[in-house]
């Protein structure tokens, strides 16, 4: 999560957003406490499991890159140190396009 915080802080003023979805039930207090303890700086919304099923998300973490027009452009499952460069490249690519 430190990497996502870094990306959020670096690019949020340029039209980039991170929105996290929690599927850990409806306990808002628990999710809020976890967010604070983990130092998460971006918003977390509650999501039902059927939302994940609707979009075919089977594994977490799952990242979806959506452009300014609302079109899904990239999708990745999992996260690794090696993937950080690609992750940031995708952000820069979409921001550069404008829209």
Foldseek 3Di string as FASTA:
>chain_A
DVLVQVLCVVCVVLPDADEAEDQPPDPPVVVVVVCVVVVPDHYYYYDHVVVCVVVVNDAPPKDWDAAPVRHTDDIDHDDDPVCSVVVVVSVVVRSVVPD
